Amino acid sequence: MRMLEPTINVLKSIAEERHVSVPAVALNYSINKGVLPLVGVRDAGQAEQDMQALGWRLTEDEIKQIEGVSLQGRRSSFMQHG
């Protein structure tokens, strides 16, 4: 779990600045990368939280912040290779 802390901290920081949830930032990142995320929703609160990912885009700087702490190994335009 310690390996994820830098990524989680960056996601939290961006979420606070944008006034959205951390999952919304993570989903928006995936969407920006051309992924169509399939999310599981257990209640209305989670649905609302996930909907916060729509209608905006992460900036290039925000994407670089996330990738600066989360991507390791050889990178390609398609996926991360560890």
C-alpha atoms as a PDB file:
ATOM      1  CA  MET A   1       0.000   0.000   0.000  1.00  0.00           C
ATOM      2  CA  ARG A   2       2.923   2.317   0.672  1.00  0.00           C
ATOM      3  CA  MET A   3       3.774   2.281  -3.046  1.00  0.00           C
ATOM      4  CA  LEU A   4       0.360   3.811  -3.812  1.00  0.00           C
ATOM      5  CA  GLU A   5       0.626   6.687  -1.329  1.00  0.00           C
ATOM      6  CA  PRO A   6       2.298   9.173  -3.724  1.00  0.00           C
ATOM      7  CA  THR A   7      -0.365   8.534  -6.374  1.00  0.00           C
ATOM      8  CA  ILE A   8      -3.200   8.770  -3.858  1.00  0.00           C
ATOM      9  CA  ASN A   9      -1.779  12.026  -2.497  1.00  0.00           C
ATOM     10  CA  VAL A  10      -1.638  13.588  -5.977  1.00  0.00           C
ATOM     11  CA  LEU A  11      -5.185  12.416  -6.757  1.00  0.00           C
ATOM     12  CA  LYS A  12      -6.401  13.887  -3.443  1.00  0.00           C
ATOM     13  CA  SER A  13      -4.682  17.198  -4.149  1.00  0.00           C
ATOM     14  CA  ILE A  14      -6.246  17.494  -7.604  1.00  0.00           C
ATOM     15  CA  ALA A  15      -9.652  16.442  -6.233  1.00  0.00           C
ATOM     16  CA  GLU A  16      -9.509  19.135  -3.553  1.00  0.00           C
ATOM     17  CA  GLU A  17      -8.507  21.822  -6.069  1.00  0.00           C
ATOM     18  CA  ARG A  18     -11.323  20.836  -8.430  1.00  0.00           C
ATOM     19  CA  HIS A  19     -13.923  20.164  -5.709  1.00  0.00           C
ATOM     20  CA  VAL A  20     -14.601  16.639  -6.955  1.00  0.00           C
ATOM     21  CA  SER A  21     -14.044  13.174  -5.490  1.00  0.00           C
ATOM     22  CA  VAL A  22     -10.805  11.214  -5.777  1.00  0.00           C
ATOM     23  CA  PRO A  23     -12.561   8.484  -7.815  1.00  0.00           C
ATOM     24  CA  ALA A  24     -13.774  11.209 -10.203  1.00  0.00           C
ATOM     25  CA  VAL A  25     -10.175  12.308 -10.798  1.00  0.00           C
ATOM     26  CA  ALA A  26      -9.079   8.706 -11.387  1.00  0.00           C
ATOM     27  CA  LEU A  27     -11.964   8.094 -13.795  1.00  0.00           C
ATOM     28  CA  ASN A  28     -11.277  11.358 -15.618  1.00  0.00           C
ATOM     29  CA  TYR A  29      -7.626  10.343 -15.996  1.00  0.00           C
ATOM     30  CA  SER A  30      -8.706   7.035 -17.542  1.00  0.00           C
ATOM     31  CA  ILE A  31     -11.096   8.809 -19.906  1.00  0.00           C
ATOM     32  CA  ASN A  32      -8.313  11.231 -20.912  1.00  0.00           C
ATOM     33  CA  LYS A  33      -6.173   8.222 -21.797  1.00  0.00           C
ATOM     34  CA  GLY A  34      -8.837   6.846 -24.150  1.00  0.00           C
ATOM     35  CA  VAL A  35     -10.179   4.212 -21.770  1.00  0.00           C
ATOM     36  CA  LEU A  36     -13.888   3.642 -21.342  1.00  0.00           C
ATOM     37  CA  PRO A  37     -14.056   2.736 -17.651  1.00  0.00           C
ATOM     38  CA  LEU A  38     -16.720   0.273 -16.575  1.00  0.00           C
ATOM     39  CA  VAL A  39     -17.585   1.192 -13.012  1.00  0.00           C
ATOM     40  CA  GLY A  40     -19.542  -0.747 -10.446  1.00  0.00           C
ATOM     41  CA  VAL A  41     -22.008   1.284  -8.435  1.00  0.00           C
ATOM     42  CA  ARG A  42     -23.531   0.049  -5.181  1.00  0.00           C
ATOM     43  CA  ASP A  43     -25.607   3.070  -4.236  1.00  0.00           C
ATOM     44  CA  ALA A  44     -26.728   6.522  -5.367  1.00  0.00           C
ATOM     45  CA  GLY A  45     -23.800   8.162  -3.582  1.00  0.00           C
ATOM     46  CA  GLN A  46     -21.270   6.220  -5.624  1.00  0.00           C
ATOM     47  CA  ALA A  47     -23.156   7.029  -8.818  1.00  0.00           C
ATOM     48  CA  GLU A  48     -23.061  10.742  -8.002  1.00  0.00           C
ATOM     49  CA  GLN A  49     -19.382  10.507  -7.107  1.00  0.00           C
ATOM     50  CA  ASP A  50     -18.545   8.825 -10.419  1.00  0.00           C
ATOM     51  CA  MET A  51     -20.617  11.333 -12.397  1.00  0.00           C
ATOM     52  CA  GLN A  52     -18.259  14.052 -11.155  1.00  0.00           C
ATOM     53  CA  ALA A  53     -15.716  12.673 -13.647  1.00  0.00           C
ATOM     54  CA  LEU A  54     -17.759  14.011 -16.568  1.00  0.00           C
ATOM     55  CA  GLY A  55     -17.906  17.468 -18.110  1.00  0.00           C
ATOM     56  CA  TRP A  56     -14.278  18.503 -17.568  1.00  0.00           C
ATOM     57  CA  ARG A  57     -10.746  17.440 -18.475  1.00  0.00           C
ATOM     58  CA  LEU A  58      -7.570  17.181 -16.476  1.00  0.00           C
ATOM     59  CA  THR A  59      -4.951  19.674 -17.609  1.00  0.00           C
ATOM     60  CA  GLU A  60      -1.673  18.486 -19.114  1.00  0.00           C
ATOM     61  CA  ASP A  61       0.041  19.570 -15.891  1.00  0.00           C
ATOM     62  CA  GLU A  62      -2.353  17.497 -13.774  1.00  0.00           C
ATOM     63  CA  ILE A  63      -1.796  14.471 -16.011  1.00  0.00           C
ATOM     64  CA  LYS A  64       1.974  14.938 -15.677  1.00  0.00           C
ATOM     65  CA  GLN A  65       1.613  15.148 -11.892  1.00  0.00           C
ATOM     66  CA  ILE A  66      -0.276  11.841 -11.815  1.00  0.00           C
ATOM     67  CA  GLU A  67       2.082  10.101 -14.218  1.00  0.00           C
ATOM     68  CA  GLY A  68       5.119  11.486 -12.414  1.00  0.00           C
ATOM     69  CA  VAL A  69       4.278   9.432  -9.339  1.00  0.00           C
ATOM     70  CA  SER A  70       2.377   6.490 -10.785  1.00  0.00           C
ATOM     71  CA  LEU A  71       4.014   5.216 -13.972  1.00  0.00           C
ATOM     72  CA  GLN A  72       7.065   3.002 -13.647  1.00  0.00           C
ATOM     73  CA  GLY A  73       8.995   0.908 -16.103  1.00  0.00           C
ATOM     74  CA  ARG A  74       8.869   1.213 -19.872  1.00  0.00           C
ATOM     75  CA  ARG A  75       5.977   3.352 -21.101  1.00  0.00           C
ATOM     76  CA  SER A  76       4.142   3.171 -24.398  1.00  0.00           C
ATOM     77  CA  SER A  77       1.214   5.005 -25.923  1.00  0.00           C
ATOM     78  CA  PHE A  78      -0.981   1.983 -25.215  1.00  0.00           C
ATOM     79  CA  MET A  79      -0.183   0.840 -21.695  1.00  0.00           C
ATOM     80  CA  GLN A  80       2.326   0.751 -18.917  1.00  0.00           C
ATOM     81  CA  HIS A  81       4.837  -2.061 -19.053  1.00  0.00           C
ATOM     82  CA  GLY A  82       6.401  -2.966 -15.718  1.00  0.00           C
END
